[in-house]
């Protein structure tokens, strides 16, 4: 669905190279399954954003597998501008670039949300009250931030990491920034460790079978 410059927004999905991502799975999940799970979840996040249709999608960082997946969706891919400087600085640099290019707001989404769908994206934008409010969603497990929409004129550098939700909440409230907190099923669960992986195998519809499909995709893309 096309959107006008008046409501132009940029969704940013930061990613690591597959060999570096989800390192906490490396002990008990074989590398092919781990990499397939990463791609499968990223694919689901991109699909949710694309189906919503009212925000541009940018996949930030990763490797050729990540780039090829973004290209297959016809969404923008950009290399990490500061690969040695950490997630928050790289994300902030990309946010500022989006603002300078005319985006009225940026939406951060992690690439590891196996339950996300378009309704979650819609809820974020609805909660922004026509981009007048910052919107954040909390990760149930570790108090992280699993979505953050910031209007350009009131944006701050993210502080992603452990317990980042409460840090972000305090920052926005202390600076008198209008804030909406949402709690949707698709934004609560992110996959980080072995127990998360096992839970997803048992509880996320199609997760196990899609792992096999993405392993095949990796092999084909490698050739």
N, C-alpha and C. Protein backbone atom coordinates (compact mmCIF):
# COMPACT_ATOMS: atom_id res chain seq x y z
N UNK A 1 0.84 -1.19 0.00
CA UNK A 1 0.00 0.00 0.00
C UNK A 1 0.88 1.25 0.00
N UNK A 2 0.76 2.13 -0.97
CA UNK A 2 1.62 3.31 -1.01
C UNK A 2 1.29 4.28 0.11
N UNK A 3 2.27 5.05 0.52
CA UNK A 3 2.03 6.08 1.53
C UNK A 3 2.61 7.39 1.04
N UNK A 4 2.06 8.47 1.55
CA UNK A 4 2.52 9.79 1.13
C UNK A 4 3.74 10.20 1.94
N UNK A 5 4.45 11.24 1.47
CA UNK A 5 5.58 11.76 2.22
C UNK A 5 5.15 12.30 3.58
N UNK A 6 3.88 12.67 3.69
CA UNK A 6 3.39 13.25 4.94
C UNK A 6 3.51 12.24 6.08
N UNK A 7 3.25 10.97 5.79
CA UNK A 7 3.29 9.95 6.84
C UNK A 7 4.41 8.94 6.62
N UNK A 8 5.47 9.35 5.95
CA UNK A 8 6.58 8.44 5.67
C UNK A 8 7.25 8.01 6.98
N UNK A 9 7.41 6.70 7.13
CA UNK A 9 8.09 6.15 8.30
C UNK A 9 9.06 5.06 7.85
N UNK A 10 10.03 4.76 8.71
CA UNK A 10 11.05 3.75 8.40
C UNK A 10 11.10 2.71 9.51
N UNK A 11 10.86 1.46 9.16
CA UNK A 11 11.04 0.35 10.09
C UNK A 11 12.44 -0.22 9.89
N UNK A 12 13.16 -0.39 11.00
CA UNK A 12 14.55 -0.85 10.96
C UNK A 12 14.67 -2.15 11.74
N UNK A 13 15.21 -3.17 11.08
CA UNK A 13 15.39 -4.49 11.70
C UNK A 13 16.89 -4.79 11.72
N UNK A 14 17.57 -4.58 12.86
CA UNK A 14 19.02 -4.83 12.91
C UNK A 14 19.31 -6.33 12.97
N UNK A 15 20.36 -6.75 12.28
CA UNK A 15 20.74 -8.16 12.25
C UNK A 15 22.25 -8.31 12.36
N UNK A 16 22.68 -9.45 12.91
CA UNK A 16 24.09 -9.84 12.90
C UNK A 16 24.32 -10.84 11.77
N UNK A 17 25.57 -11.03 11.35
CA UNK A 17 25.85 -12.15 10.45
C UNK A 17 25.40 -13.46 11.09
N UNK A 18 24.96 -14.41 10.27
CA UNK A 18 24.44 -15.66 10.81
C UNK A 18 25.45 -16.36 11.71
N UNK A 19 26.72 -16.30 11.36
CA UNK A 19 27.74 -17.00 12.14
C UNK A 19 27.88 -16.44 13.55
N UNK A 20 27.45 -15.19 13.75
CA UNK A 20 27.59 -14.53 15.05
C UNK A 20 26.29 -14.47 15.83
N UNK A 21 25.17 -14.66 15.15
CA UNK A 21 23.86 -14.42 15.77
C UNK A 21 23.43 -15.59 16.66
N UNK A 22 22.67 -15.25 17.70
CA UNK A 22 22.09 -16.24 18.61
C UNK A 22 23.15 -17.19 19.15
N UNK A 23 24.21 -16.61 19.68
CA UNK A 23 25.34 -17.41 20.16
C UNK A 23 24.94 -18.31 21.33
N UNK A 24 23.87 -17.93 22.06
CA UNK A 24 23.45 -18.75 23.20
C UNK A 24 22.79 -20.06 22.78
N UNK A 25 22.54 -20.19 21.49
CA UNK A 25 22.00 -21.46 20.99
C UNK A 25 23.10 -22.44 20.57
N UNK A 26 24.33 -21.97 20.51
CA UNK A 26 25.39 -22.76 19.89
C UNK A 26 25.72 -24.03 20.66
N UNK A 27 25.41 -24.08 21.96
CA UNK A 27 25.76 -25.26 22.75
C UNK A 27 24.95 -26.49 22.41
N UNK A 28 23.64 -26.31 22.16
CA UNK A 28 22.76 -27.46 22.01
C UNK A 28 21.98 -27.50 20.70
N UNK A 29 22.09 -26.47 19.89
CA UNK A 29 21.41 -26.45 18.59
C UNK A 29 22.48 -26.43 17.51
N UNK A 30 22.40 -27.35 16.56
CA UNK A 30 23.42 -27.39 15.53
C UNK A 30 23.38 -26.11 14.68
N UNK A 31 24.51 -25.78 14.07
CA UNK A 31 24.65 -24.48 13.41
C UNK A 31 23.65 -24.29 12.28
N UNK A 32 23.36 -25.35 11.52
CA UNK A 32 22.42 -25.22 10.42
C UNK A 32 21.01 -24.91 10.93
N UNK A 33 20.59 -25.58 11.98
CA UNK A 33 19.26 -25.32 12.55
C UNK A 33 19.19 -23.92 13.15
N UNK A 34 20.28 -23.51 13.81
CA UNK A 34 20.31 -22.17 14.40
C UNK A 34 20.19 -21.10 13.32
N UNK A 35 20.96 -21.25 12.25
CA UNK A 35 20.94 -20.26 11.18
C UNK A 35 19.59 -20.27 10.46
N UNK A 36 19.02 -21.46 10.28
CA UNK A 36 17.71 -21.56 9.65
C UNK A 36 16.65 -20.86 10.50
N UNK A 37 16.72 -21.03 11.82
CA UNK A 37 15.75 -20.39 12.71
C UNK A 37 15.86 -18.87 12.63
N UNK A 38 17.08 -18.36 12.56
CA UNK A 38 17.30 -16.91 12.46
C UNK A 38 16.65 -16.37 11.19
N UNK A 39 16.89 -17.03 10.07
CA UNK A 39 16.33 -16.58 8.80
C UNK A 39 14.81 -16.70 8.79
N UNK A 40 14.29 -17.78 9.35
CA UNK A 40 12.85 -17.98 9.39
C UNK A 40 12.17 -16.87 10.18
N UNK A 41 12.74 -16.50 11.33
CA UNK A 41 12.14 -15.45 12.14
C UNK A 41 12.25 -14.09 11.45
N UNK A 42 13.40 -13.81 10.86
CA UNK A 42 13.55 -12.55 10.12
C UNK A 42 12.53 -12.48 9.00
N UNK A 43 12.36 -13.58 8.30
CA UNK A 43 11.37 -13.64 7.22
C UNK A 43 9.98 -13.30 7.73
N UNK A 44 9.65 -13.80 8.92
CA UNK A 44 8.33 -13.53 9.49
C UNK A 44 8.17 -12.06 9.87
N UNK A 45 9.22 -11.46 10.42
CA UNK A 45 9.15 -10.03 10.78
C UNK A 45 9.00 -9.18 9.52
N UNK A 46 9.79 -9.48 8.48
CA UNK A 46 9.68 -8.72 7.23
C UNK A 46 8.27 -8.86 6.65
N UNK A 47 7.75 -10.08 6.65
CA UNK A 47 6.40 -10.30 6.12
C UNK A 47 5.36 -9.47 6.86
N UNK A 48 5.47 -9.41 8.18
CA UNK A 48 4.51 -8.64 8.97
C UNK A 48 4.56 -7.16 8.59
N UNK A 49 5.78 -6.64 8.43
CA UNK A 49 5.93 -5.22 8.06
C UNK A 49 5.41 -4.97 6.66
N UNK A 50 5.76 -5.85 5.72
CA UNK A 50 5.33 -5.67 4.33
C UNK A 50 3.81 -5.76 4.20
N UNK A 51 3.20 -6.70 4.90
CA UNK A 51 1.76 -6.86 4.81
C UNK A 51 1.02 -5.68 5.43
N UNK A 52 1.62 -5.06 6.44
CA UNK A 52 1.04 -3.83 6.99
C UNK A 52 1.04 -2.75 5.92
N UNK A 53 2.15 -2.60 5.23
CA UNK A 53 2.20 -1.82 4.00
C UNK A 53 2.37 -0.33 4.11
N UNK A 54 2.35 0.23 5.31
CA UNK A 54 2.36 1.68 5.44
C UNK A 54 3.67 2.22 6.01
N UNK A 55 4.71 1.41 6.01
CA UNK A 55 6.01 1.85 6.48
C UNK A 55 7.08 1.19 5.62
N UNK A 56 8.14 1.92 5.33
CA UNK A 56 9.25 1.35 4.58
C UNK A 56 10.03 0.40 5.49
N UNK A 57 10.63 -0.61 4.90
CA UNK A 57 11.34 -1.63 5.68
C UNK A 57 12.80 -1.65 5.30
N UNK A 58 13.66 -1.60 6.32
CA UNK A 58 15.10 -1.66 6.13
C UNK A 58 15.67 -2.74 7.03
N UNK A 59 16.40 -3.68 6.45
CA UNK A 59 17.15 -4.67 7.22
C UNK A 59 18.58 -4.14 7.34
N UNK A 60 19.05 -4.02 8.56
CA UNK A 60 20.32 -3.37 8.83
C UNK A 60 21.36 -4.39 9.28
N UNK A 61 22.41 -4.55 8.49
CA UNK A 61 23.52 -5.41 8.89
C UNK A 61 23.30 -6.86 8.53
N UNK A 62 24.21 -7.71 9.00
CA UNK A 62 24.14 -9.13 8.69
C UNK A 62 25.18 -9.51 7.65
N UNK A 63 24.84 -10.51 6.84
CA UNK A 63 25.78 -11.04 5.85
C UNK A 63 25.04 -11.23 4.54
N UNK A 64 25.64 -11.96 3.61
CA UNK A 64 25.01 -12.15 2.31
C UNK A 64 23.70 -12.93 2.40
N UNK A 65 23.58 -13.85 3.36
CA UNK A 65 22.31 -14.56 3.54
C UNK A 65 21.20 -13.57 3.94
N UNK A 66 21.52 -12.69 4.87
CA UNK A 66 20.55 -11.68 5.31
C UNK A 66 20.22 -10.75 4.15
N UNK A 67 21.25 -10.32 3.45
CA UNK A 67 21.04 -9.43 2.29
C UNK A 67 20.18 -10.09 1.23
N UNK A 68 20.46 -11.36 0.92
CA UNK A 68 19.68 -12.07 -0.09
C UNK A 68 18.22 -12.22 0.32
N UNK A 69 17.99 -12.45 1.60
CA UNK A 69 16.60 -12.58 2.07
C UNK A 69 15.88 -11.24 1.93
N UNK A 70 16.54 -10.15 2.33
CA UNK A 70 15.93 -8.82 2.17
C UNK A 70 15.63 -8.55 0.70
N UNK A 71 16.59 -8.87 -0.17
CA UNK A 71 16.40 -8.64 -1.61
C UNK A 71 15.23 -9.46 -2.15
N UNK A 72 15.05 -10.68 -1.63
CA UNK A 72 13.96 -11.53 -2.12
C UNK A 72 12.59 -10.93 -1.77
N UNK A 73 12.56 -10.10 -0.74
CA UNK A 73 11.33 -9.41 -0.35
C UNK A 73 11.22 -8.03 -1.00
N UNK A 74 12.25 -7.64 -1.73
CA UNK A 74 12.29 -6.31 -2.33
C UNK A 74 12.22 -5.22 -1.26
N UNK A 75 12.90 -5.46 -0.14
CA UNK A 75 13.05 -4.42 0.88
C UNK A 75 14.50 -4.00 0.94
N UNK A 76 14.74 -2.84 1.47
CA UNK A 76 16.08 -2.28 1.50
C UNK A 76 16.97 -3.05 2.48
N UNK A 77 18.22 -3.24 2.10
CA UNK A 77 19.24 -3.78 3.00
C UNK A 77 20.39 -2.81 3.04
N UNK A 78 20.97 -2.63 4.22
CA UNK A 78 22.12 -1.74 4.37
C UNK A 78 23.14 -2.40 5.28
N UNK A 79 24.42 -2.31 4.94
CA UNK A 79 25.44 -2.84 5.86
C UNK A 79 25.46 -2.03 7.15
N UNK A 80 25.93 -2.66 8.19
CA UNK A 80 26.07 -1.99 9.48
C UNK A 80 27.05 -0.83 9.34
N UNK A 81 26.63 0.42 9.64
CA UNK A 81 27.54 1.55 9.43
C UNK A 81 28.74 1.56 10.38
N UNK A 82 28.55 0.99 11.59
CA UNK A 82 29.64 0.95 12.56
C UNK A 82 29.67 -0.44 13.20
N UNK A 83 30.16 -1.46 12.48
CA UNK A 83 30.05 -2.83 12.97
C UNK A 83 30.77 -3.10 14.29
N UNK A 84 31.70 -2.23 14.67
CA UNK A 84 32.44 -2.45 15.91
C UNK A 84 31.96 -1.58 17.06
N UNK A 85 30.91 -0.81 16.83
CA UNK A 85 30.49 0.16 17.83
C UNK A 85 29.26 -0.23 18.64
N UNK A 86 28.70 -1.40 18.35
CA UNK A 86 27.55 -1.84 19.13
C UNK A 86 26.22 -1.48 18.48
N UNK A 87 25.20 -2.22 18.89
CA UNK A 87 23.88 -2.10 18.28
C UNK A 87 23.29 -0.71 18.42
N UNK A 88 23.36 -0.12 19.60
CA UNK A 88 22.63 1.14 19.84
C UNK A 88 23.16 2.29 18.98
N UNK A 89 24.47 2.38 18.85
CA UNK A 89 25.04 3.45 18.04
C UNK A 89 24.73 3.25 16.56
N UNK A 90 24.81 2.00 16.11
CA UNK A 90 24.51 1.71 14.70
C UNK A 90 23.04 2.00 14.39
N UNK A 91 22.17 1.61 15.29
CA UNK A 91 20.74 1.86 15.10
C UNK A 91 20.44 3.35 15.10
N UNK A 92 21.07 4.08 16.02
CA UNK A 92 20.85 5.52 16.10
C UNK A 92 21.32 6.22 14.83
N UNK A 93 22.48 5.84 14.33
CA UNK A 93 22.99 6.43 13.09
C UNK A 93 21.99 6.20 11.95
N UNK A 94 21.42 5.01 11.89
CA UNK A 94 20.46 4.70 10.84
C UNK A 94 19.16 5.46 11.03
N UNK A 95 18.74 5.63 12.27
CA UNK A 95 17.55 6.42 12.57
C UNK A 95 17.73 7.87 12.12
N UNK A 96 18.87 8.45 12.46
CA UNK A 96 19.13 9.85 12.10
C UNK A 96 19.14 10.00 10.57
N UNK A 97 19.73 9.05 9.89
CA UNK A 97 19.74 9.09 8.42
C UNK A 97 18.33 9.04 7.87
N UNK A 98 17.48 8.21 8.47
CA UNK A 98 16.08 8.13 8.04
C UNK A 98 15.36 9.45 8.29
N UNK A 99 15.60 10.05 9.44
CA UNK A 99 14.98 11.35 9.75
C UNK A 99 15.43 12.41 8.74
N UNK A 100 16.73 12.41 8.43
CA UNK A 100 17.27 13.39 7.48
C UNK A 100 16.69 13.19 6.08
N UNK A 101 16.25 11.95 5.79
CA UNK A 101 15.67 11.65 4.49
C UNK A 101 14.16 11.86 4.45
N UNK A 102 13.61 12.37 5.54
CA UNK A 102 12.20 12.72 5.54
C UNK A 102 11.27 11.81 6.30
N UNK A 103 11.79 10.77 6.97
CA UNK A 103 10.92 9.90 7.75
C UNK A 103 10.40 10.64 8.98
N UNK A 104 9.10 10.55 9.18
CA UNK A 104 8.47 11.23 10.32
C UNK A 104 8.66 10.45 11.62
N UNK A 105 8.96 9.15 11.47
CA UNK A 105 9.18 8.30 12.64
C UNK A 105 9.98 7.09 12.21
N UNK A 106 10.65 6.46 13.18
CA UNK A 106 11.33 5.20 12.94
C UNK A 106 10.78 4.16 13.91
N UNK A 107 10.68 2.94 13.42
CA UNK A 107 10.23 1.82 14.24
C UNK A 107 11.34 0.79 14.30
N UNK A 108 11.87 0.53 15.49
CA UNK A 108 12.81 -0.57 15.70
C UNK A 108 12.03 -1.85 15.96
N UNK A 109 12.37 -2.90 15.23
CA UNK A 109 11.88 -4.24 15.52
C UNK A 109 13.06 -5.21 15.53
N UNK A 110 13.16 -6.11 16.50
CA UNK A 110 14.17 -7.15 16.43
C UNK A 110 13.76 -8.19 15.40
N UNK A 111 14.73 -8.95 14.91
CA UNK A 111 14.44 -9.94 13.89
C UNK A 111 14.11 -11.31 14.43
N UNK A 112 13.87 -11.42 15.75
CA UNK A 112 13.69 -12.75 16.37
C UNK A 112 12.34 -12.89 17.06
N UNK A 113 11.29 -12.50 16.34
CA UNK A 113 9.93 -12.54 16.91
C UNK A 113 9.09 -13.56 16.15
N UNK A 114 9.11 -14.83 16.55
CA UNK A 114 8.44 -15.87 15.78
C UNK A 114 6.91 -15.82 15.83
N UNK A 115 6.35 -15.01 16.72
CA UNK A 115 4.89 -14.92 16.85
C UNK A 115 4.32 -13.65 16.23
N UNK A 116 5.15 -12.79 15.68
CA UNK A 116 4.68 -11.51 15.18
C UNK A 116 3.76 -11.68 13.97
N UNK A 117 2.77 -10.79 13.84
CA UNK A 117 2.00 -10.71 12.61
C UNK A 117 1.63 -9.26 12.35
N UNK A 118 0.91 -9.03 11.28
CA UNK A 118 0.61 -7.66 10.86
C UNK A 118 -0.20 -6.91 11.90
N UNK A 119 -1.04 -7.61 12.65
CA UNK A 119 -1.84 -6.94 13.69
C UNK A 119 -0.97 -6.26 14.73
N UNK A 120 0.18 -6.85 15.02
CA UNK A 120 1.10 -6.23 15.99
C UNK A 120 1.64 -4.91 15.45
N UNK A 121 1.98 -4.89 14.16
CA UNK A 121 2.48 -3.65 13.55
C UNK A 121 1.38 -2.60 13.55
N UNK A 122 0.18 -3.00 13.21
CA UNK A 122 -0.94 -2.07 13.20
C UNK A 122 -1.17 -1.49 14.59
N UNK A 123 -1.06 -2.34 15.62
CA UNK A 123 -1.28 -1.86 16.99
C UNK A 123 -0.23 -0.81 17.37
N UNK A 124 1.01 -1.01 16.94
CA UNK A 124 2.06 -0.03 17.23
C UNK A 124 1.69 1.33 16.66
N UNK A 125 1.32 1.35 15.39
CA UNK A 125 1.02 2.63 14.75
C UNK A 125 -0.28 3.24 15.27
N UNK A 126 -1.25 2.41 15.59
CA UNK A 126 -2.48 2.94 16.20
C UNK A 126 -2.16 3.61 17.53
N UNK A 127 -1.29 2.98 18.32
CA UNK A 127 -0.95 3.51 19.64
C UNK A 127 -0.15 4.80 19.56
N UNK A 128 0.45 5.07 18.39
CA UNK A 128 1.25 6.29 18.25
C UNK A 128 0.39 7.55 18.10
N UNK A 129 -0.92 7.36 17.92
CA UNK A 129 -1.84 8.50 17.76
C UNK A 129 -1.36 9.42 16.64
N UNK A 130 -1.29 8.83 15.44
CA UNK A 130 -0.84 9.57 14.24
C UNK A 130 0.56 10.13 14.42
N UNK A 131 1.44 9.30 14.96
CA UNK A 131 2.87 9.63 15.16
C UNK A 131 3.08 10.78 16.13
N UNK A 132 2.19 10.93 17.09
CA UNK A 132 2.37 11.94 18.14
C UNK A 132 3.01 11.37 19.40
N UNK A 133 2.97 10.04 19.55
CA UNK A 133 3.48 9.39 20.75
C UNK A 133 4.58 8.40 20.40
N UNK A 134 5.53 8.26 21.31
CA UNK A 134 6.47 7.16 21.26
C UNK A 134 5.75 5.90 21.75
N UNK A 135 6.06 4.77 21.14
CA UNK A 135 5.42 3.50 21.50
C UNK A 135 6.50 2.46 21.79
N UNK A 136 6.36 1.75 22.91
CA UNK A 136 7.31 0.69 23.24
C UNK A 136 6.55 -0.56 23.67
N UNK A 137 7.17 -1.72 23.43
CA UNK A 137 6.62 -3.00 23.83
C UNK A 137 7.69 -3.77 24.59
N UNK A 138 7.29 -4.43 25.66
CA UNK A 138 8.23 -5.10 26.57
C UNK A 138 8.36 -6.58 26.22
N UNK A 139 9.59 -7.07 26.27
CA UNK A 139 9.84 -8.50 26.17
C UNK A 139 9.56 -9.13 27.52
N UNK A 140 8.68 -10.13 27.54
CA UNK A 140 8.27 -10.73 28.82
C UNK A 140 9.43 -11.33 29.59
N UNK A 141 10.32 -12.00 28.88
CA UNK A 141 11.33 -12.84 29.54
C UNK A 141 12.39 -12.04 30.29
N UNK A 142 12.96 -11.02 29.65
CA UNK A 142 14.13 -10.36 30.23
C UNK A 142 13.98 -8.86 30.39
N UNK A 143 12.77 -8.36 30.17
CA UNK A 143 12.56 -6.93 30.32
C UNK A 143 13.18 -6.10 29.23
N UNK A 144 13.51 -6.74 28.11
CA UNK A 144 14.05 -6.00 26.97
C UNK A 144 12.95 -5.26 26.23
N UNK A 145 13.32 -4.66 25.11
CA UNK A 145 12.39 -3.87 24.29
C UNK A 145 12.21 -4.59 22.96
N UNK A 146 10.98 -5.02 22.67
CA UNK A 146 10.73 -5.78 21.46
C UNK A 146 10.05 -4.97 20.36
N UNK A 147 9.86 -3.70 20.60
CA UNK A 147 9.42 -2.76 19.56
C UNK A 147 9.56 -1.37 20.14
N UNK A 148 9.96 -0.41 19.29
CA UNK A 148 10.03 0.98 19.73
C UNK A 148 9.84 1.90 18.54
N UNK A 149 8.72 2.58 18.52
CA UNK A 149 8.46 3.59 17.50
C UNK A 149 8.72 4.97 18.11
N UNK A 150 9.56 5.75 17.43
CA UNK A 150 9.89 7.10 17.91
C UNK A 150 9.62 8.13 16.82
N UNK A 151 8.69 9.07 17.05
CA UNK A 151 8.57 10.20 16.13
C UNK A 151 9.90 10.95 16.05
N UNK A 152 10.26 11.41 14.87
CA UNK A 152 11.58 11.98 14.64
C UNK A 152 11.86 13.17 15.55
N UNK A 153 10.87 14.01 15.78
CA UNK A 153 11.11 15.25 16.51
C UNK A 153 11.30 15.02 18.01
N UNK A 154 11.06 13.80 18.50
CA UNK A 154 11.27 13.53 19.93
C UNK A 154 12.09 12.26 20.15
N UNK A 155 12.98 11.95 19.20
CA UNK A 155 13.72 10.69 19.24
C UNK A 155 14.98 10.80 20.10
N UNK A 156 15.30 9.71 20.76
CA UNK A 156 16.53 9.56 21.54
C UNK A 156 17.25 8.29 21.08
N UNK A 157 18.58 8.26 21.31
CA UNK A 157 19.33 7.05 20.98
C UNK A 157 18.83 5.89 21.82
N UNK A 158 18.56 4.75 21.19
CA UNK A 158 18.09 3.58 21.94
C UNK A 158 19.11 3.09 22.96
N UNK A 159 18.62 2.37 23.95
CA UNK A 159 19.45 1.77 25.00
C UNK A 159 19.13 0.28 25.09
N UNK A 160 19.15 -0.39 23.94
CA UNK A 160 18.76 -1.79 23.88
C UNK A 160 19.74 -2.65 24.67
N UNK A 161 19.21 -3.73 25.25
CA UNK A 161 20.00 -4.61 26.09
C UNK A 161 19.14 -5.08 27.25
N UNK A 162 19.77 -5.71 28.23
CA UNK A 162 19.04 -6.25 29.36
C UNK A 162 18.28 -5.16 30.11
N UNK A 163 17.00 -5.43 30.40
CA UNK A 163 16.14 -4.49 31.13
C UNK A 163 16.01 -3.14 30.43
N UNK A 164 16.12 -3.14 29.12
CA UNK A 164 16.07 -1.86 28.39
C UNK A 164 14.68 -1.23 28.41
N UNK A 165 13.64 -2.04 28.56
CA UNK A 165 12.29 -1.48 28.55
C UNK A 165 12.13 -0.43 29.65
N UNK A 166 12.53 -0.78 30.87
CA UNK A 166 12.38 0.18 31.98
C UNK A 166 13.27 1.39 31.79
N UNK A 167 14.46 1.21 31.19
CA UNK A 167 15.34 2.35 30.91
C UNK A 167 14.69 3.29 29.89
N UNK A 168 14.14 2.71 28.84
CA UNK A 168 13.46 3.54 27.84
C UNK A 168 12.25 4.25 28.44
N UNK A 169 11.48 3.52 29.22
CA UNK A 169 10.28 4.11 29.83
C UNK A 169 10.64 5.31 30.70
N UNK A 170 11.66 5.15 31.52
CA UNK A 170 12.10 6.26 32.38
C UNK A 170 12.60 7.44 31.55
N UNK A 171 13.38 7.15 30.51
CA UNK A 171 13.92 8.21 29.66
C UNK A 171 12.81 9.05 29.06
N UNK A 172 11.82 8.40 28.48
CA UNK A 172 10.75 9.14 27.81
C UNK A 172 9.89 9.90 28.82
N UNK A 173 9.58 9.28 29.92
CA UNK A 173 8.76 9.95 30.92
C UNK A 173 9.51 11.13 31.55
N UNK A 174 10.80 10.94 31.83
CA UNK A 174 11.61 12.02 32.43
C UNK A 174 11.76 13.21 31.49
N UNK A 175 11.65 12.97 30.18
CA UNK A 175 11.75 14.05 29.20
C UNK A 175 10.38 14.51 28.70
N UNK A 176 9.34 14.10 29.43
CA UNK A 176 7.96 14.53 29.14
C UNK A 176 7.54 14.21 27.71
N UNK A 177 8.00 13.07 27.21
CA UNK A 177 7.64 12.62 25.87
C UNK A 177 6.38 11.77 25.97
N UNK A 178 5.34 12.11 25.22
CA UNK A 178 4.11 11.30 25.25
C UNK A 178 4.43 9.85 24.90
N UNK A 179 3.96 8.93 25.75
CA UNK A 179 4.37 7.54 25.63
C UNK A 179 3.17 6.61 25.69
N UNK A 180 3.17 5.62 24.82
CA UNK A 180 2.17 4.57 24.86
C UNK A 180 2.88 3.23 24.97
N UNK A 181 2.46 2.42 25.92
CA UNK A 181 3.02 1.09 26.12
C UNK A 181 2.00 0.07 25.64
N UNK A 182 2.43 -0.83 24.74
CA UNK A 182 1.50 -1.83 24.23
C UNK A 182 1.95 -3.22 24.66
N UNK A 183 0.99 -4.14 24.67
CA UNK A 183 1.22 -5.49 25.16
C UNK A 183 0.47 -6.45 24.24
N UNK A 184 1.13 -6.88 23.16
CA UNK A 184 0.49 -7.78 22.21
C UNK A 184 1.23 -9.12 22.20
N UNK A 185 0.52 -10.18 21.87
CA UNK A 185 1.09 -11.53 21.94
C UNK A 185 2.31 -11.68 21.04
N UNK A 186 2.28 -11.06 19.86
CA UNK A 186 3.36 -11.23 18.91
C UNK A 186 4.63 -10.49 19.26
N UNK A 187 4.57 -9.58 20.22
CA UNK A 187 5.75 -8.79 20.60
C UNK A 187 6.32 -9.18 21.96
N UNK A 188 5.69 -10.13 22.64
CA UNK A 188 6.15 -10.50 23.97
C UNK A 188 7.34 -11.45 23.95
N UNK A 189 7.34 -12.35 22.96
CA UNK A 189 8.32 -13.45 22.96
C UNK A 189 9.36 -13.27 21.89
N UNK A 190 10.62 -13.21 22.30
CA UNK A 190 11.75 -13.22 21.38
C UNK A 190 12.62 -14.43 21.72
N UNK A 191 13.28 -14.98 20.71
CA UNK A 191 14.00 -16.24 20.88
C UNK A 191 15.49 -15.98 21.07
N UNK A 192 16.00 -16.33 22.25
CA UNK A 192 17.40 -16.05 22.57
C UNK A 192 18.22 -17.26 22.96
N UNK A 193 17.60 -18.24 23.64
CA UNK A 193 18.39 -19.32 24.23
C UNK A 193 17.76 -20.68 23.95
N UNK A 194 18.38 -21.71 24.51
CA UNK A 194 17.93 -23.08 24.24
C UNK A 194 16.49 -23.32 24.67
N UNK A 195 16.12 -22.81 25.84
CA UNK A 195 14.76 -23.03 26.32
C UNK A 195 13.74 -22.32 25.43
N UNK A 196 14.10 -21.14 24.93
CA UNK A 196 13.22 -20.43 23.99
C UNK A 196 13.04 -21.26 22.72
N UNK A 197 14.13 -21.83 22.23
CA UNK A 197 14.09 -22.62 21.01
C UNK A 197 13.19 -23.85 21.21
N UNK A 198 13.36 -24.51 22.34
CA UNK A 198 12.54 -25.69 22.62
C UNK A 198 11.07 -25.32 22.76
N UNK A 199 10.80 -24.16 23.39
CA UNK A 199 9.42 -23.70 23.53
C UNK A 199 8.82 -23.44 22.15
N UNK A 200 9.60 -22.80 21.28
CA UNK A 200 9.10 -22.49 19.94
C UNK A 200 8.82 -23.77 19.14
N UNK A 201 9.69 -24.76 19.27
CA UNK A 201 9.47 -26.04 18.59
C UNK A 201 8.13 -26.64 18.99
N UNK A 202 7.80 -26.53 20.27
CA UNK A 202 6.57 -27.14 20.79
C UNK A 202 5.33 -26.28 20.60
N UNK A 203 5.48 -24.96 20.53
CA UNK A 203 4.32 -24.08 20.64
C UNK A 203 4.07 -23.15 19.47
N UNK A 204 5.06 -22.93 18.62
CA UNK A 204 4.86 -22.04 17.48
C UNK A 204 4.49 -22.87 16.26
N UNK A 205 3.33 -22.63 15.75
CA UNK A 205 2.80 -23.42 14.65
C UNK A 205 3.75 -23.40 13.44
N UNK A 206 4.17 -24.57 12.99
CA UNK A 206 5.01 -24.68 11.81
C UNK A 206 6.48 -24.40 12.04
N UNK A 207 6.88 -24.09 13.26
CA UNK A 207 8.27 -23.70 13.52
C UNK A 207 9.24 -24.82 13.11
N UNK A 208 8.97 -26.03 13.54
CA UNK A 208 9.89 -27.14 13.28
C UNK A 208 10.00 -27.44 11.79
N UNK A 209 8.87 -27.48 11.10
CA UNK A 209 8.90 -27.80 9.67
C UNK A 209 9.56 -26.68 8.87
N UNK A 210 9.36 -25.44 9.31
CA UNK A 210 9.97 -24.33 8.59
C UNK A 210 11.48 -24.29 8.77
N UNK A 211 11.96 -24.80 9.90
CA UNK A 211 13.41 -24.90 10.09
C UNK A 211 14.01 -25.73 8.95
N UNK A 212 13.38 -26.84 8.64
CA UNK A 212 13.88 -27.71 7.56
C UNK A 212 13.84 -26.97 6.22
N UNK A 213 12.77 -26.21 5.97
CA UNK A 213 12.66 -25.46 4.72
C UNK A 213 13.78 -24.44 4.60
N UNK A 214 14.10 -23.79 5.70
CA UNK A 214 15.14 -22.76 5.65
C UNK A 214 16.54 -23.36 5.59
N UNK A 215 16.71 -24.54 6.11
CA UNK A 215 17.99 -25.23 5.91
C UNK A 215 18.21 -25.49 4.42
N UNK A 216 17.15 -25.90 3.74
CA UNK A 216 17.24 -26.11 2.29
C UNK A 216 17.56 -24.80 1.57
N UNK A 217 16.95 -23.71 2.01
CA UNK A 217 17.19 -22.39 1.41
C UNK A 217 18.66 -21.99 1.57
N UNK A 218 19.22 -22.25 2.75
CA UNK A 218 20.62 -21.92 3.00
C UNK A 218 21.53 -22.68 2.04
N UNK A 219 21.26 -23.97 1.89
CA UNK A 219 22.08 -24.80 1.00
C UNK A 219 22.00 -24.29 -0.44
N UNK A 220 20.80 -23.98 -0.90
CA UNK A 220 20.63 -23.48 -2.26
C UNK A 220 21.32 -22.13 -2.45
N UNK A 221 21.20 -21.26 -1.44
CA UNK A 221 21.79 -19.92 -1.55
C UNK A 221 23.31 -19.98 -1.50
N UNK A 222 23.84 -21.01 -0.84
CA UNK A 222 25.30 -21.15 -0.71
C UNK A 222 25.95 -21.59 -2.02
N UNK A 223 25.17 -22.24 -2.88
CA UNK A 223 25.72 -22.80 -4.12
C UNK A 223 25.78 -21.76 -5.24
